[in-house]
Amino acid sequence: MATDDDVQLTVIEYGAVAAEYAGAATHPDAPRAIVDDYAIVVDALALARRVPTEDVPAVLAVGTRALMRVHRALLG
């Protein structure tokens, strides 16, 4: 079972990965779908920092799916 430290490190790493997409996802010419999905990514990160430890994996799962959509959309 994951410890609180493991979960906190996962949230930090998720934030670091999400930040790498910020420039492309917030570019003025980015398609609306990318912007919307990236907003979900950012919201999931914010929520993951506030919910109880046992709820973090589910929150990050939603954010990760949105981040995958952003990634795929950016690839074209």
N, C-alpha and C. Protein backbone atom coordinates (compact mmCIF):
# COMPACT_ATOMS: atom_id res chain seq x y z
N MET A 1 0.84 -1.18 0.00
CA MET A 1 0.00 0.00 0.00
C MET A 1 0.89 1.24 0.00
N ALA A 2 0.44 2.25 -0.72
CA ALA A 2 1.19 3.49 -0.83
C ALA A 2 1.13 4.27 0.48
N THR A 3 2.25 4.87 0.82
CA THR A 3 2.30 5.72 2.00
C THR A 3 1.90 7.13 1.62
N ASP A 4 1.67 7.95 2.62
CA ASP A 4 1.35 9.37 2.37
C ASP A 4 2.47 10.04 1.58
N ASP A 5 3.71 9.68 1.90
CA ASP A 5 4.84 10.25 1.17
C ASP A 5 4.83 9.84 -0.30
N ASP A 6 4.50 8.58 -0.56
CA ASP A 6 4.40 8.11 -1.95
C ASP A 6 3.36 8.90 -2.72
N VAL A 7 2.22 9.11 -2.09
CA VAL A 7 1.14 9.84 -2.74
C VAL A 7 1.55 11.29 -2.99
N GLN A 8 2.18 11.91 -2.02
CA GLN A 8 2.63 13.30 -2.19
C GLN A 8 3.65 13.41 -3.31
N LEU A 9 4.56 12.45 -3.40
CA LEU A 9 5.55 12.46 -4.47
C LEU A 9 4.89 12.25 -5.83
N THR A 10 3.86 11.44 -5.87
CA THR A 10 3.13 11.23 -7.12
C THR A 10 2.45 12.52 -7.56
N VAL A 11 1.86 13.24 -6.64
CA VAL A 11 1.21 14.51 -6.97
C VAL A 11 2.24 15.51 -7.49
N ILE A 12 3.39 15.55 -6.87
CA ILE A 12 4.47 16.45 -7.33
C ILE A 12 4.90 16.08 -8.74
N GLU A 13 5.09 14.80 -8.98
CA GLU A 13 5.51 14.34 -10.31
C GLU A 13 4.43 14.62 -11.37
N TYR A 14 3.19 14.39 -11.01
CA TYR A 14 2.07 14.69 -11.92
C TYR A 14 2.09 16.17 -12.29
N GLY A 15 2.31 17.02 -11.31
CA GLY A 15 2.38 18.46 -11.56
C GLY A 15 3.52 18.82 -12.48
N ALA A 16 4.66 18.17 -12.30
CA ALA A 16 5.82 18.45 -13.15
C ALA A 16 5.55 18.04 -14.60
N VAL A 17 4.92 16.89 -14.79
CA VAL A 17 4.59 16.44 -16.14
C VAL A 17 3.56 17.37 -16.77
N ALA A 18 2.54 17.71 -16.01
CA ALA A 18 1.49 18.60 -16.52
C ALA A 18 2.08 19.95 -16.92
N ALA A 19 3.04 20.44 -16.15
CA ALA A 19 3.64 21.75 -16.44
C ALA A 19 4.36 21.76 -17.79
N GLU A 20 4.87 20.61 -18.21
CA GLU A 20 5.57 20.53 -19.48
C GLU A 20 4.63 20.75 -20.67
N TYR A 21 3.35 20.54 -20.46
CA TYR A 21 2.36 20.74 -21.52
C TYR A 21 1.74 22.15 -21.50
N ALA A 22 2.05 22.92 -20.50
CA ALA A 22 1.39 24.22 -20.32
C ALA A 22 1.55 25.14 -21.51
N GLY A 23 2.75 25.25 -22.03
CA GLY A 23 2.98 26.17 -23.15
C GLY A 23 2.14 25.84 -24.37
N ALA A 24 2.11 24.59 -24.73
CA ALA A 24 1.35 24.17 -25.91
C ALA A 24 -0.16 24.21 -25.65
N ALA A 25 -0.55 23.82 -24.46
CA ALA A 25 -1.98 23.73 -24.16
C ALA A 25 -2.62 25.10 -23.93
N THR A 26 -1.82 26.09 -23.62
CA THR A 26 -2.37 27.43 -23.38
C THR A 26 -2.00 28.41 -24.49
N HIS A 27 -1.42 27.90 -25.56
CA HIS A 27 -1.07 28.75 -26.70
C HIS A 27 -2.35 29.34 -27.29
N PRO A 28 -2.31 30.61 -27.73
CA PRO A 28 -3.53 31.24 -28.26
C PRO A 28 -4.17 30.48 -29.43
N ASP A 29 -3.37 29.73 -30.18
CA ASP A 29 -3.91 28.99 -31.33
C ASP A 29 -4.29 27.55 -30.99
N ALA A 30 -4.19 27.17 -29.73
CA ALA A 30 -4.53 25.80 -29.33
C ALA A 30 -6.03 25.56 -29.53
N PRO A 31 -6.37 24.39 -30.08
CA PRO A 31 -7.79 24.07 -30.24
C PRO A 31 -8.51 24.05 -28.89
N ARG A 32 -9.78 24.39 -28.92
CA ARG A 32 -10.58 24.48 -27.70
C ARG A 32 -10.57 23.16 -26.91
N ALA A 33 -10.58 22.03 -27.60
CA ALA A 33 -10.59 20.73 -26.91
C ALA A 33 -9.33 20.55 -26.07
N ILE A 34 -8.20 21.00 -26.59
CA ILE A 34 -6.95 20.89 -25.83
C ILE A 34 -7.01 21.79 -24.60
N VAL A 35 -7.49 23.00 -24.78
CA VAL A 35 -7.59 23.94 -23.66
C VAL A 35 -8.52 23.37 -22.58
N ASP A 36 -9.65 22.83 -23.00
CA ASP A 36 -10.61 22.26 -22.04
C ASP A 36 -10.03 21.07 -21.30
N ASP A 37 -9.37 20.17 -22.03
CA ASP A 37 -8.77 19.01 -21.37
C ASP A 37 -7.64 19.42 -20.44
N TYR A 38 -6.86 20.42 -20.85
CA TYR A 38 -5.78 20.87 -19.96
C TYR A 38 -6.35 21.51 -18.70
N ALA A 39 -7.49 22.17 -18.82
CA ALA A 39 -8.14 22.72 -17.63
C ALA A 39 -8.52 21.61 -16.66
N ILE A 40 -8.94 20.47 -17.18
CA ILE A 40 -9.24 19.32 -16.32
C ILE A 40 -7.98 18.84 -15.62
N VAL A 41 -6.88 18.81 -16.36
CA VAL A 41 -5.59 18.40 -15.78
C VAL A 41 -5.22 19.30 -14.60
N VAL A 42 -5.35 20.60 -14.79
CA VAL A 42 -4.99 21.56 -13.75
C VAL A 42 -5.95 21.45 -12.56
N ASP A 43 -7.23 21.29 -12.85
CA ASP A 43 -8.21 21.12 -11.77
C ASP A 43 -7.94 19.85 -10.97
N ALA A 44 -7.59 18.77 -11.66
CA ALA A 44 -7.29 17.51 -10.97
C ALA A 44 -6.09 17.68 -10.05
N LEU A 45 -5.08 18.39 -10.52
CA LEU A 45 -3.91 18.64 -9.69
C LEU A 45 -4.28 19.43 -8.44
N ALA A 46 -5.05 20.47 -8.62
CA ALA A 46 -5.47 21.29 -7.48
C ALA A 46 -6.30 20.46 -6.49
N LEU A 47 -7.20 19.65 -7.01
CA LEU A 47 -8.03 18.82 -6.15
C LEU A 47 -7.21 17.75 -5.45
N ALA A 48 -6.24 17.17 -6.14
CA ALA A 48 -5.39 16.13 -5.55
C ALA A 48 -4.62 16.66 -4.34
N ARG A 49 -4.36 17.93 -4.34
CA ARG A 49 -3.63 18.53 -3.21
C ARG A 49 -4.53 18.79 -2.00
N ARG A 50 -5.85 18.62 -2.20
CA ARG A 50 -6.78 18.96 -1.12
C ARG A 50 -7.57 17.77 -0.57
N VAL A 51 -7.69 16.72 -1.35
CA VAL A 51 -8.52 15.58 -0.91
C VAL A 51 -7.72 14.67 0.02
N PRO A 52 -8.41 13.82 0.77
CA PRO A 52 -7.70 12.85 1.61
C PRO A 52 -6.81 11.94 0.75
N THR A 53 -5.74 11.46 1.32
CA THR A 53 -4.75 10.65 0.61
C THR A 53 -5.38 9.49 -0.14
N GLU A 54 -6.36 8.84 0.45
CA GLU A 54 -6.95 7.67 -0.20
C GLU A 54 -7.75 8.03 -1.46
N ASP A 55 -8.10 9.29 -1.63
CA ASP A 55 -8.86 9.72 -2.81
C ASP A 55 -7.97 10.23 -3.94
N VAL A 56 -6.71 10.45 -3.67
CA VAL A 56 -5.81 11.02 -4.66
C VAL A 56 -5.69 10.15 -5.92
N PRO A 57 -5.52 8.84 -5.82
CA PRO A 57 -5.39 8.05 -7.05
C PRO A 57 -6.57 8.21 -8.01
N ALA A 58 -7.76 8.23 -7.50
CA ALA A 58 -8.93 8.39 -8.37
C ALA A 58 -8.94 9.77 -9.04
N VAL A 59 -8.58 10.79 -8.30
CA VAL A 59 -8.54 12.14 -8.86
C VAL A 59 -7.47 12.24 -9.94
N LEU A 60 -6.30 11.69 -9.66
CA LEU A 60 -5.23 11.74 -10.65
C LEU A 60 -5.54 10.88 -11.86
N ALA A 61 -6.32 9.84 -11.70
CA ALA A 61 -6.72 9.01 -12.85
C ALA A 61 -7.53 9.84 -13.85
N VAL A 62 -8.43 10.65 -13.34
CA VAL A 62 -9.22 11.53 -14.21
C VAL A 62 -8.30 12.52 -14.91
N GLY A 63 -7.39 13.13 -14.15
CA GLY A 63 -6.46 14.08 -14.73
C GLY A 63 -5.53 13.45 -15.74
N THR A 64 -5.11 12.23 -15.48
CA THR A 64 -4.20 11.53 -16.39
C THR A 64 -4.89 11.22 -17.71
N ARG A 65 -6.15 10.82 -17.66
CA ARG A 65 -6.88 10.59 -18.90
C ARG A 65 -7.00 11.88 -19.72
N ALA A 66 -7.25 12.98 -19.05
CA ALA A 66 -7.32 14.27 -19.75
C ALA A 66 -5.96 14.64 -20.33
N LEU A 67 -4.90 14.38 -19.59
CA LEU A 67 -3.55 14.68 -20.07
C LEU A 67 -3.21 13.82 -21.28
N MET A 68 -3.66 12.59 -21.30
CA MET A 68 -3.44 11.74 -22.47
C MET A 68 -4.17 12.29 -23.69
N ARG A 69 -5.37 12.81 -23.50
CA ARG A 69 -6.10 13.42 -24.62
C ARG A 69 -5.35 14.65 -25.14
N VAL A 70 -4.80 15.45 -24.23
CA VAL A 70 -4.00 16.61 -24.64
C VAL A 70 -2.80 16.14 -25.44
N HIS A 71 -2.11 15.15 -24.94
CA HIS A 71 -0.92 14.61 -25.60
C HIS A 71 -1.25 14.13 -27.01
N ARG A 72 -2.30 13.34 -27.12
CA ARG A 72 -2.68 12.80 -28.43
C ARG A 72 -3.10 13.92 -29.40
N ALA A 73 -3.81 14.89 -28.89
CA ALA A 73 -4.26 16.00 -29.74
C ALA A 73 -3.06 16.82 -30.24
N LEU A 74 -2.08 17.01 -29.39
CA LEU A 74 -0.91 17.77 -29.79
C LEU A 74 -0.08 17.01 -30.84
N LEU A 75 -0.14 15.69 -30.79
CA LEU A 75 0.58 14.89 -31.78
C LEU A 75 -0.09 14.96 -33.15
N GLY A 76 -1.39 15.28 -33.12
CA GLY A 76 -2.12 15.44 -34.37
C GLY A 76 -2.79 14.20 -34.73
